[in-house]
PDB file of N, CA and C in Angstrom:
ATOM      1  N   UNK A   1    -117.308 -50.957 -39.764  1.00  0.00           N
ATOM      2  CA  UNK A   1    -117.813 -49.630 -39.296  1.00  0.00           C
ATOM      3  C   UNK A   1    -116.547 -48.913 -38.500  1.00  0.00           C
ATOM      4  N   UNK A   2    -116.421 -47.574 -38.745  1.00  0.00           N
ATOM      5  CA  UNK A   2    -115.456 -46.661 -38.215  1.00  0.00           C
ATOM      6  C   UNK A   2    -115.451 -46.717 -36.593  1.00  0.00           C
ATOM      7  N   UNK A   3    -114.627 -46.854 -35.885  1.00  0.00           N
ATOM      8  CA  UNK A   3    -114.845 -46.669 -34.443  1.00  0.00           C
ATOM      9  C   UNK A   3    -114.597 -45.285 -34.006  1.00  0.00           C
ATOM     10  N   UNK A   4    -113.538 -44.547 -34.602  1.00  0.00           N
ATOM     11  CA  UNK A   4    -113.187 -43.029 -33.987  1.00  0.00           C
ATOM     12  C   UNK A   4    -113.911 -41.970 -35.198  1.00  0.00           C
ATOM     13  N   UNK A   5    -113.793 -40.759 -34.611  1.00  0.00           N
ATOM     14  CA  UNK A   5    -113.922 -39.738 -35.755  1.00  0.00           C
ATOM     15  C   UNK A   5    -113.492 -39.628 -36.882  1.00  0.00           C
ATOM     16  N   UNK A   6    -112.060 -39.747 -36.536  1.00  0.00           N
ATOM     17  CA  UNK A   6    -110.943 -39.654 -37.550  1.00  0.00           C
ATOM     18  C   UNK A   6    -110.988 -40.796 -38.453  1.00  0.00           C
ATOM     19  N   UNK A   7    -111.500 -41.925 -37.936  1.00  0.00           N
ATOM     20  CA  UNK A   7    -111.470 -43.118 -38.992  1.00  0.00           C
ATOM     21  C   UNK A   7    -112.822 -42.862 -39.890  1.00  0.00           C
ATOM     22  N   UNK A   8    -113.802 -42.591 -39.320  1.00  0.00           N
ATOM     23  CA  UNK A   8    -115.063 -42.098 -39.993  1.00  0.00           C
ATOM     24  C   UNK A   8    -114.842 -41.020 -41.210  1.00  0.00           C
ATOM     25  N   UNK A   9    -113.877 -39.976 -40.850  1.00  0.00           N
ATOM     26  CA  UNK A   9    -113.642 -38.936 -41.845  1.00  0.00           C
ATOM     27  C   UNK A   9    -112.800 -39.570 -42.850  1.00  0.00           C
ATOM     28  N   UNK A  10    -111.794 -40.637 -42.427  1.00  0.00           N
ATOM     29  CA  UNK A  10    -111.135 -41.214 -43.517  1.00  0.00           C
ATOM     30  C   UNK A  10    -111.782 -42.196 -44.488  1.00  0.00           C
ATOM     31  N   UNK A  11    -112.868 -42.654 -43.703  1.00  0.00           N
ATOM     32  CA  UNK A  11    -113.596 -43.623 -44.647  1.00  0.00           C
ATOM     33  C   UNK A  11    -114.570 -42.477 -45.727  1.00  0.00           C
ATOM     34  N   UNK A  12    -114.951 -41.488 -45.275  1.00  0.00           N
ATOM     35  CA  UNK A  12    -115.625 -40.687 -46.254  1.00  0.00           C
ATOM     36  C   UNK A  12    -114.835 -40.170 -47.173  1.00  0.00           C
ATOM     37  N   UNK A  13    -113.480 -39.600 -47.038  1.00  0.00           N
ATOM     38  CA  UNK A  13    -112.260 -39.211 -48.061  1.00  0.00           C
ATOM     39  C   UNK A  13    -111.950 -40.326 -48.883  1.00  0.00           C
ATOM     40  N   UNK A  14    -111.981 -41.590 -48.572  1.00  0.00           N
ATOM     41  CA  UNK A  14    -111.546 -42.691 -49.328  1.00  0.00           C
ATOM     42  C   UNK A  14    -112.768 -43.253 -50.177  1.00  0.00           C
ATOM     43  N   UNK A  15    -113.932 -42.656 -49.939  1.00  0.00           N
ATOM     44  CA  UNK A  15    -115.135 -43.106 -50.665  1.00  0.00           C
ATOM     45  C   UNK A  15    -115.152 -42.028 -51.843  1.00  0.00           C
ATOM     46  N   UNK A  16    -115.026 -40.697 -51.495  1.00  0.00           N
ATOM     47  CA  UNK A  16    -114.908 -39.767 -52.399  1.00  0.00           C
ATOM     48  C   UNK A  16    -113.915 -39.725 -53.498  1.00  0.00           C
ATOM     49  N   UNK A  17    -112.642 -40.457 -53.018  1.00  0.00           N
ATOM     50  CA  UNK A  17    -111.745 -40.336 -53.884  1.00  0.00           C
ATOM     51  C   UNK A  17    -111.879 -41.876 -54.565  1.00  0.00           C
ATOM     52  N   UNK A  18    -112.451 -42.682 -54.278  1.00  0.00           N
ATOM     53  CA  UNK A  18    -112.993 -43.993 -55.092  1.00  0.00           C
ATOM     54  C   UNK A  18    -113.794 -43.704 -56.403  1.00  0.00           C
ATOM     55  N   UNK A  19    -114.724 -42.717 -55.932  1.00  0.00           N
ATOM     56  CA  UNK A  19    -115.855 -42.149 -57.084  1.00  0.00           C
ATOM     57  C   UNK A  19    -115.116 -41.474 -58.132  1.00  0.00           C
ATOM     58  N   UNK A  20    -114.341 -40.546 -57.579  1.00  0.00           N
ATOM     59  CA  UNK A  20    -113.274 -39.612 -58.597  1.00  0.00           C
ATOM     60  C   UNK A  20    -112.459 -40.713 -59.618  1.00  0.00           C
ATOM     61  N   UNK A  21    -111.511 -41.421 -58.753  1.00  0.00           N
ATOM     62  CA  UNK A  21    -110.800 -42.106 -59.461  1.00  0.00           C
ATOM     63  C   UNK A  21    -111.636 -43.189 -60.722  1.00  0.00           C
ATOM     64  N   UNK A  22    -112.898 -43.800 -60.364  1.00  0.00           N
ATOM     65  CA  UNK A  22    -113.644 -44.473 -61.094  1.00  0.00           C
ATOM     66  C   UNK A  22    -113.968 -43.804 -62.418  1.00  0.00           C
ATOM     67  N   UNK A  23    -114.389 -42.664 -62.087  1.00  0.00           N
ATOM     68  CA  UNK A  23    -114.589 -41.775 -63.486  1.00  0.00           C
ATOM     69  C   UNK A  23    -113.744 -41.409 -64.130  1.00  0.00           C
ATOM     70  N   UNK A  24    -112.332 -41.130 -63.697  1.00  0.00           N
ATOM     71  CA  UNK A  24    -111.155 -41.057 -64.629  1.00  0.00           C
ATOM     72  C   UNK A  24    -110.645 -42.188 -65.298  1.00  0.00           C
ATOM     73  N   UNK A  25    -110.795 -43.377 -64.563  1.00  0.00           N
ATOM     74  CA  UNK A  25    -110.498 -44.697 -65.223  1.00  0.00           C
ATOM     75  C   UNK A  25    -111.559 -45.016 -66.223  1.00  0.00           C
ATOM     76  N   UNK A  26    -112.688 -44.643 -65.992  1.00  0.00           N
ATOM     77  CA  UNK A  26    -113.884 -45.130 -67.110  1.00  0.00           C
ATOM     78  C   UNK A  26    -113.579 -43.991 -68.397  1.00  0.00           C
ATOM     79  N   UNK A  27    -113.350 -42.642 -68.197  1.00  0.00           N
ATOM     80  CA  UNK A  27    -112.800 -42.189 -69.324  1.00  0.00           C
ATOM     81  C   UNK A  27    -111.802 -42.443 -69.765  1.00  0.00           C
ATOM     82  N   UNK A  28    -110.641 -42.957 -69.336  1.00  0.00           N
ATOM     83  CA  UNK A  28    -109.482 -43.228 -69.956  1.00  0.00           C
ATOM     84  C   UNK A  28    -109.941 -44.633 -70.763  1.00  0.00           C
ATOM     85  N   UNK A  29    -110.454 -45.594 -70.157  1.00  0.00           N
ATOM     86  CA  UNK A  29    -110.977 -46.763 -70.859  1.00  0.00           C
ATOM     87  C   UNK A  29    -111.680 -46.294 -72.267  1.00  0.00           C
ATOM     88  N   UNK A  30    -112.559 -45.747 -71.989  1.00  0.00           N
ATOM     89  CA  UNK A  30    -113.450 -45.271 -73.154  1.00  0.00           C
ATOM     90  C   UNK A  30    -112.586 -44.724 -74.313  1.00  0.00           C
ATOM     91  N   UNK A  31    -111.645 -43.954 -74.059  1.00  0.00           N
ATOM     92  CA  UNK A  31    -110.483 -43.300 -75.026  1.00  0.00           C
ATOM     93  C   UNK A  31    -109.880 -44.210 -75.498  1.00  0.00           C
ATOM     94  N   UNK A  32    -109.224 -45.177 -74.923  1.00  0.00           N
ATOM     95  CA  UNK A  32    -108.356 -46.083 -75.392  1.00  0.00           C
ATOM     96  C   UNK A  32    -109.313 -47.003 -76.338  1.00  0.00           C
ATOM     97  N   UNK A  33    -110.328 -47.331 -75.953  1.00  0.00           N
ATOM     98  CA  UNK A  33    -111.271 -48.362 -76.651  1.00  0.00           C
ATOM     99  C   UNK A  33    -111.772 -47.737 -78.222  1.00  0.00           C
ATOM    100  N   UNK A  34    -111.810 -46.513 -78.090  1.00  0.00           N
ATOM    101  CA  UNK A  34    -112.341 -45.773 -79.181  1.00  0.00           C
ATOM    102  C   UNK A  34    -110.965 -45.913 -80.488  1.00  0.00           C
ATOM    103  N   UNK A  35    -109.978 -45.508 -79.712  1.00  0.00           N
ATOM    104  CA  UNK A  35    -108.705 -45.643 -80.598  1.00  0.00           C
ATOM    105  C   UNK A  35    -108.453 -47.139 -81.165  1.00  0.00           C
ATOM    106  N   UNK A  36    -108.808 -48.163 -80.383  1.00  0.00           N
ATOM    107  CA  UNK A  36    -108.514 -49.383 -80.718  1.00  0.00           C
ATOM    108  C   UNK A  36    -109.558 -49.973 -81.624  1.00  0.00           C
ATOM    109  N   UNK A  37    -110.974 -49.479 -81.641  1.00  0.00           N
ATOM    110  CA  UNK A  37    -112.006 -49.790 -82.550  1.00  0.00           C
ATOM    111  C   UNK A  37    -111.769 -49.167 -84.084  1.00  0.00           C
ATOM    112  N   UNK A  38    -111.376 -47.945 -83.935  1.00  0.00           N
ATOM    113  CA  UNK A  38    -111.181 -47.171 -85.306  1.00  0.00           C
ATOM    114  C   UNK A  38    -109.738 -47.796 -85.877  1.00  0.00           C
ATOM    115  N   UNK A  39    -108.983 -48.310 -85.149  1.00  0.00           N
ATOM    116  CA  UNK A  39    -107.789 -49.164 -85.800  1.00  0.00           C
ATOM    117  C   UNK A  39    -108.411 -50.371 -86.459  1.00  0.00           C
ATOM    118  N   UNK A  40    -109.115 -51.106 -85.556  1.00  0.00           N
ATOM    119  CA  UNK A  40    -109.758 -52.302 -86.204  1.00  0.00           C
ATOM    120  C   UNK A  40    -110.598 -52.118 -87.150  1.00  0.00           C
ATOM    121  N   UNK A  41    -111.248 -50.780 -87.335  1.00  0.00           N
ATOM    122  CA  UNK A  41    -112.021 -50.698 -88.616  1.00  0.00           C
ATOM    123  C   UNK A  41    -111.354 -50.269 -89.743  1.00  0.00           C
ATOM    124  N   UNK A  42    -109.989 -49.623 -89.723  1.00  0.00           N
ATOM    125  CA  UNK A  42    -108.948 -49.440 -90.584  1.00  0.00           C
ATOM    126  C   UNK A  42    -109.076 -48.159 -90.968  1.00  0.00           C
ATOM    127  N   UNK A  43    -109.553 -47.261 -90.026  1.00  0.00           N
ATOM    128  CA  UNK A  43    -109.637 -45.845 -90.043  1.00  0.00           C
ATOM    129  C   UNK A  43    -108.435 -45.057 -89.343  1.00  0.00           C
ATOM    130  N   UNK A  44    -107.449 -45.169 -90.129  1.00  0.00           N
ATOM    131  CA  UNK A  44    -106.112 -44.559 -89.393  1.00  0.00           C
ATOM    132  C   UNK A  44    -106.141 -43.120 -89.168  1.00  0.00           C
ATOM    133  N   UNK A  45    -106.868 -42.311 -90.025  1.00  0.00           N
ATOM    134  CA  UNK A  45    -107.023 -40.705 -89.710  1.00  0.00           C
ATOM    135  C   UNK A  45    -107.922 -40.665 -88.552  1.00  0.00           C
ATOM    136  N   UNK A  46    -108.970 -41.331 -88.226  1.00  0.00           N
ATOM    137  CA  UNK A  46    -109.475 -41.180 -87.227  1.00  0.00           C
ATOM    138  C   UNK A  46    -109.170 -41.760 -85.884  1.00  0.00           C
ATOM    139  N   UNK A  47    -108.269 -42.774 -85.972  1.00  0.00           N
ATOM    140  CA  UNK A  47    -107.396 -43.390 -84.824  1.00  0.00           C
ATOM    141  C   UNK A  47    -106.490 -42.220 -84.465  1.00  0.00           C
ATOM    142  N   UNK A  48    -105.909 -41.515 -85.393  1.00  0.00           N
ATOM    143  CA  UNK A  48    -104.886 -40.510 -85.084  1.00  0.00           C
ATOM    144  C   UNK A  48    -105.362 -39.440 -84.310  1.00  0.00           C
ATOM    145  N   UNK A  49    -106.645 -39.031 -84.672  1.00  0.00           N
ATOM    146  CA  UNK A  49    -107.255 -37.588 -83.842  1.00  0.00           C
ATOM    147  C   UNK A  49    -107.718 -38.355 -82.519  1.00  0.00           C
ATOM    148  N   UNK A  50    -108.304 -39.546 -82.328  1.00  0.00           N
ATOM    149  CA  UNK A  50    -108.641 -40.350 -81.330  1.00  0.00           C
ATOM    150  C   UNK A  50    -107.674 -40.437 -80.084  1.00  0.00           C
ATOM    151  N   UNK A  51    -106.279 -40.570 -80.714  1.00  0.00           N
ATOM    152  CA  UNK A  51    -105.142 -40.730 -79.900  1.00  0.00           C
ATOM    153  C   UNK A  51    -104.907 -39.760 -79.180  1.00  0.00           C
ATOM    154  N   UNK A  52    -104.825 -38.570 -79.668  1.00  0.00           N
ATOM    155  CA  UNK A  52    -104.788 -37.304 -78.933  1.00  0.00           C
ATOM    156  C   UNK A  52    -105.446 -37.165 -77.681  1.00  0.00           C
ATOM    157  N   UNK A  53    -106.758 -37.364 -78.099  1.00  0.00           N
ATOM    158  CA  UNK A  53    -107.706 -37.393 -76.979  1.00  0.00           C
ATOM    159  C   UNK A  53    -107.447 -38.568 -75.725  1.00  0.00           C
ATOM    160  N   UNK A  54    -106.938 -39.741 -76.181  1.00  0.00           N
ATOM    161  CA  UNK A  54    -106.692 -40.714 -75.294  1.00  0.00           C
ATOM    162  C   UNK A  54    -105.315 -40.600 -74.388  1.00  0.00           C
ATOM    163  N   UNK A  55    -104.409 -39.972 -75.044  1.00  0.00           N
ATOM    164  CA  UNK A  55    -103.081 -39.713 -74.527  1.00  0.00           C
ATOM    165  C   UNK A  55    -103.481 -38.588 -73.666  1.00  0.00           C
ATOM    166  N   UNK A  56    -104.461 -37.432 -73.776  1.00  0.00           N
ATOM    167  CA  UNK A  56    -104.693 -36.427 -72.948  1.00  0.00           C
ATOM    168  C   UNK A  56    -105.457 -36.995 -71.555  1.00  0.00           C
ATOM    169  N   UNK A  57    -106.222 -37.834 -72.011  1.00  0.00           N
ATOM    170  CA  UNK A  57    -106.999 -38.556 -70.713  1.00  0.00           C
ATOM    171  C   UNK A  57    -106.005 -39.438 -69.985  1.00  0.00           C
ATOM    172  N   UNK A  58    -105.045 -40.279 -70.550  1.00  0.00           N
ATOM    173  CA  UNK A  58    -104.311 -40.872 -69.743  1.00  0.00           C
ATOM    174  C   UNK A  58    -103.250 -40.117 -68.904  1.00  0.00           C
ATOM    175  N   UNK A  59    -102.706 -39.051 -69.547  1.00  0.00           N
ATOM    176  CA  UNK A  59    -101.849 -38.019 -68.965  1.00  0.00           C
ATOM    177  C   UNK A  59    -102.594 -37.281 -67.674  1.00  0.00           C
ATOM    178  N   UNK A  60    -104.147 -36.999 -67.843  1.00  0.00           N
ATOM    179  CA  UNK A  60    -104.413 -36.348 -66.583  1.00  0.00           C
ATOM    180  C   UNK A  60    -104.710 -37.297 -65.702  1.00  0.00           C
ATOM    181  N   UNK A  61    -105.082 -38.668 -65.918  1.00  0.00           N
ATOM    182  CA  UNK A  61    -104.833 -39.945 -64.984  1.00  0.00           C
ATOM    183  C   UNK A  61    -103.926 -39.927 -64.237  1.00  0.00           C
ATOM    184  N   UNK A  62    -102.693 -39.719 -64.978  1.00  0.00           N
ATOM    185  CA  UNK A  62    -101.357 -39.996 -64.478  1.00  0.00           C
ATOM    186  C   UNK A  62    -101.098 -38.868 -63.372  1.00  0.00           C
ATOM    187  N   UNK A  63    -101.507 -37.743 -63.773  1.00  0.00           N
ATOM    188  CA  UNK A  63    -101.171 -36.290 -62.886  1.00  0.00           C
ATOM    189  C   UNK A  63    -102.177 -36.459 -61.750  1.00  0.00           C
ATOM    190  N   UNK A  64    -103.196 -37.140 -61.749  1.00  0.00           N
ATOM    191  CA  UNK A  64    -104.155 -37.295 -60.573  1.00  0.00           C
ATOM    192  C   UNK A  64    -103.580 -38.457 -59.779  1.00  0.00           C
ATOM    193  N   UNK A  65    -102.780 -39.089 -60.107  1.00  0.00           N
ATOM    194  CA  UNK A  65    -102.380 -40.310 -59.450  1.00  0.00           C
ATOM    195  C   UNK A  65    -103.257 -41.469 -59.448  1.00  0.00           C
ATOM    196  N   UNK A  66    -104.053 -41.522 -60.578  1.00  0.00           N
ATOM    197  CA  UNK A  66    -105.093 -42.578 -60.647  1.00  0.00           C
ATOM    198  C   UNK A  66    -104.250 -43.836 -61.268  1.00  0.00           C
ATOM    199  N   UNK A  67    -103.316 -43.363 -62.337  1.00  0.00           N
ATOM    200  CA  UNK A  67    -102.540 -44.145 -63.006  1.00  0.00           C
ATOM    201  C   UNK A  67    -101.027 -43.815 -62.849  1.00  0.00           C
ATOM    202  N   UNK A  68    -100.183 -44.962 -62.468  1.00  0.00           N
ATOM    203  CA  UNK A  68     -98.845 -44.623 -62.366  1.00  0.00           C
ATOM    204  C   UNK A  68     -98.250 -43.766 -63.778  1.00  0.00           C
ATOM    205  N   UNK A  69     -97.166 -42.903 -63.568  1.00  0.00           N
ATOM    206  CA  UNK A  69     -96.804 -42.149 -64.901  1.00  0.00           C
ATOM    207  C   UNK A  69     -96.320 -42.996 -65.570  1.00  0.00           C
ATOM    208  N   UNK A  70     -95.551 -44.135 -65.403  1.00  0.00           N
ATOM    209  CA  UNK A  70     -95.021 -44.960 -66.334  1.00  0.00           C
ATOM    210  C   UNK A  70     -96.051 -45.976 -67.011  1.00  0.00           C
ATOM    211  N   UNK A  71     -97.067 -46.038 -66.451  1.00  0.00           N
ATOM    212  CA  UNK A  71     -97.991 -47.054 -66.808  1.00  0.00           C
ATOM    213  C   UNK A  71     -98.605 -46.137 -67.774  1.00  0.00           C
ATOM    214  N   UNK A  72     -98.955 -45.103 -67.471  1.00  0.00           N
ATOM    215  CA  UNK A  72     -99.626 -44.079 -68.600  1.00  0.00           C
ATOM    216  C   UNK A  72     -98.840 -44.039 -69.928  1.00  0.00           C
ATOM    217  N   UNK A  73     -97.389 -43.693 -69.787  1.00  0.00           N
ATOM    218  CA  UNK A  73     -96.600 -43.452 -70.809  1.00  0.00           C
ATOM    219  C   UNK A  73     -96.286 -44.771 -71.808  1.00  0.00           C
ATOM    220  N   UNK A  74     -96.570 -45.880 -70.856  1.00  0.00           N
ATOM    221  CA  UNK A  74     -96.446 -47.043 -71.737  1.00  0.00           C
ATOM    222  C   UNK A  74     -97.679 -47.369 -72.715  1.00  0.00           C
ATOM    223  N   UNK A  75     -98.588 -46.779 -72.133  1.00  0.00           N
ATOM    224  CA  UNK A  75    -100.109 -47.168 -72.774  1.00  0.00           C
ATOM    225  C   UNK A  75    -100.189 -46.175 -74.047  1.00  0.00           C
ATOM    226  N   UNK A  76     -99.599 -44.996 -73.742  1.00  0.00           N
ATOM    227  CA  UNK A  76     -99.570 -44.089 -74.906  1.00  0.00           C
ATOM    228  C   UNK A  76     -98.778 -44.452 -75.896  1.00  0.00           C
ATOM    229  N   UNK A  77     -97.327 -44.956 -75.389  1.00  0.00           N
ATOM    230  CA  UNK A  77     -96.296 -45.051 -76.478  1.00  0.00           C
ATOM    231  C   UNK A  77     -96.980 -46.579 -77.516  1.00  0.00           C
ATOM    232  N   UNK A  78     -97.612 -47.603 -76.770  1.00  0.00           N
ATOM    233  CA  UNK A  78     -98.292 -48.620 -77.505  1.00  0.00           C
ATOM    234  C   UNK A  78     -99.239 -48.054 -78.307  1.00  0.00           C
ATOM    235  N   UNK A  79    -100.224 -47.216 -77.908  1.00  0.00           N
ATOM    236  CA  UNK A  79    -101.091 -47.034 -78.857  1.00  0.00           C
ATOM    237  C   UNK A  79    -100.819 -46.021 -80.116  1.00  0.00           C
ATOM    238  N   UNK A  80     -99.733 -45.185 -79.591  1.00  0.00           N
ATOM    239  CA  UNK A  80     -98.925 -44.360 -80.760  1.00  0.00           C
ATOM    240  C   UNK A  80     -98.373 -45.416 -81.795  1.00  0.00           C
ATOM    241  N   UNK A  81     -97.761 -46.220 -81.351  1.00  0.00           N
ATOM    242  CA  UNK A  81     -97.065 -47.286 -82.321  1.00  0.00           C
ATOM    243  C   UNK A  81     -98.033 -48.075 -83.149  1.00  0.00           C
ATOM    244  N   UNK A  82     -99.212 -48.432 -82.724  1.00  0.00           N
ATOM    245  CA  UNK A  82    -100.248 -49.008 -83.106  1.00  0.00           C
ATOM    246  C   UNK A  82    -100.887 -48.118 -84.639  1.00  0.00           C
ATOM    247  N   UNK A  83    -101.244 -46.876 -84.012  1.00  0.00           N
ATOM    248  CA  UNK A  83    -101.634 -46.093 -84.873  1.00  0.00           C
ATOM    249  C   UNK A  83    -100.667 -45.628 -86.066  1.00  0.00           C
ATOM    250  N   UNK A  84     -99.345 -45.616 -85.557  1.00  0.00           N
ATOM    251  CA  UNK A  84     -98.036 -45.130 -86.704  1.00  0.00           C
ATOM    252  C   UNK A  84     -98.064 -46.490 -87.755  1.00  0.00           C
ATOM    253  N   UNK A  85     -98.430 -47.702 -87.223  1.00  0.00           N
ATOM    254  CA  UNK A  85     -98.460 -48.621 -88.249  1.00  0.00           C
ATOM    255  C   UNK A  85     -99.611 -49.121 -88.799  1.00  0.00           C
ATOM    256  N   UNK A  86    -100.625 -48.325 -88.610  1.00  0.00           N
ATOM    257  CA  UNK A  86    -101.848 -48.951 -89.117  1.00  0.00           C
ATOM    258  C   UNK A  86    -101.906 -48.664 -90.671  1.00  0.00           C
ATOM    259  N   UNK A  87    -102.528 -49.674 -91.118  1.00  0.00           N
ATOM    260  CA  UNK A  87    -102.823 -49.696 -92.554  1.00  0.00           C
ATOM    261  C   UNK A  87    -101.384 -50.213 -93.449  1.00  0.00           C
ATOM    262  N   UNK A  88    -100.441 -50.204 -92.771  1.00  0.00           N
ATOM    263  CA  UNK A  88     -99.317 -50.708 -93.467  1.00  0.00           C
ATOM    264  C   UNK A  88     -99.158 -52.024 -93.399  1.00  0.00           C
ATOM    265  N   UNK A  89     -98.662 -52.769 -94.231  1.00  0.00           N
ATOM    266  CA  UNK A  89     -98.545 -54.183 -94.365  1.00  0.00           C
ATOM    267  C   UNK A  89     -97.461 -54.822 -93.420  1.00  0.00           C
ATOM    268  N   UNK A  90     -97.660 -55.916 -92.945  1.00  0.00           N
ATOM    269  CA  UNK A  90     -97.152 -56.424 -92.021  1.00  0.00           C
ATOM    270  C   UNK A  90     -95.756 -57.070 -92.300  1.00  0.00           C
TER     271      UNK A  90
END
């Protein structure tokens, strides 16, 4: 429990940020999961369109500071690589 008014305020701010960050992370996870599911099904065209929304969600999370910009960029690159090589023989 907070002992001072400023600590109380900080606690409230932290809780609001936590809730907002949770929503952003959930949106990112859902978008990435959709791309991976479409790739597993073999739907390359669907995965390509889902990649656009996933990269937007990752970029948005990075701009808000929820994810580090390099981490978001790395995830986008790995998804794009997977989509580019979808349906091609190994």
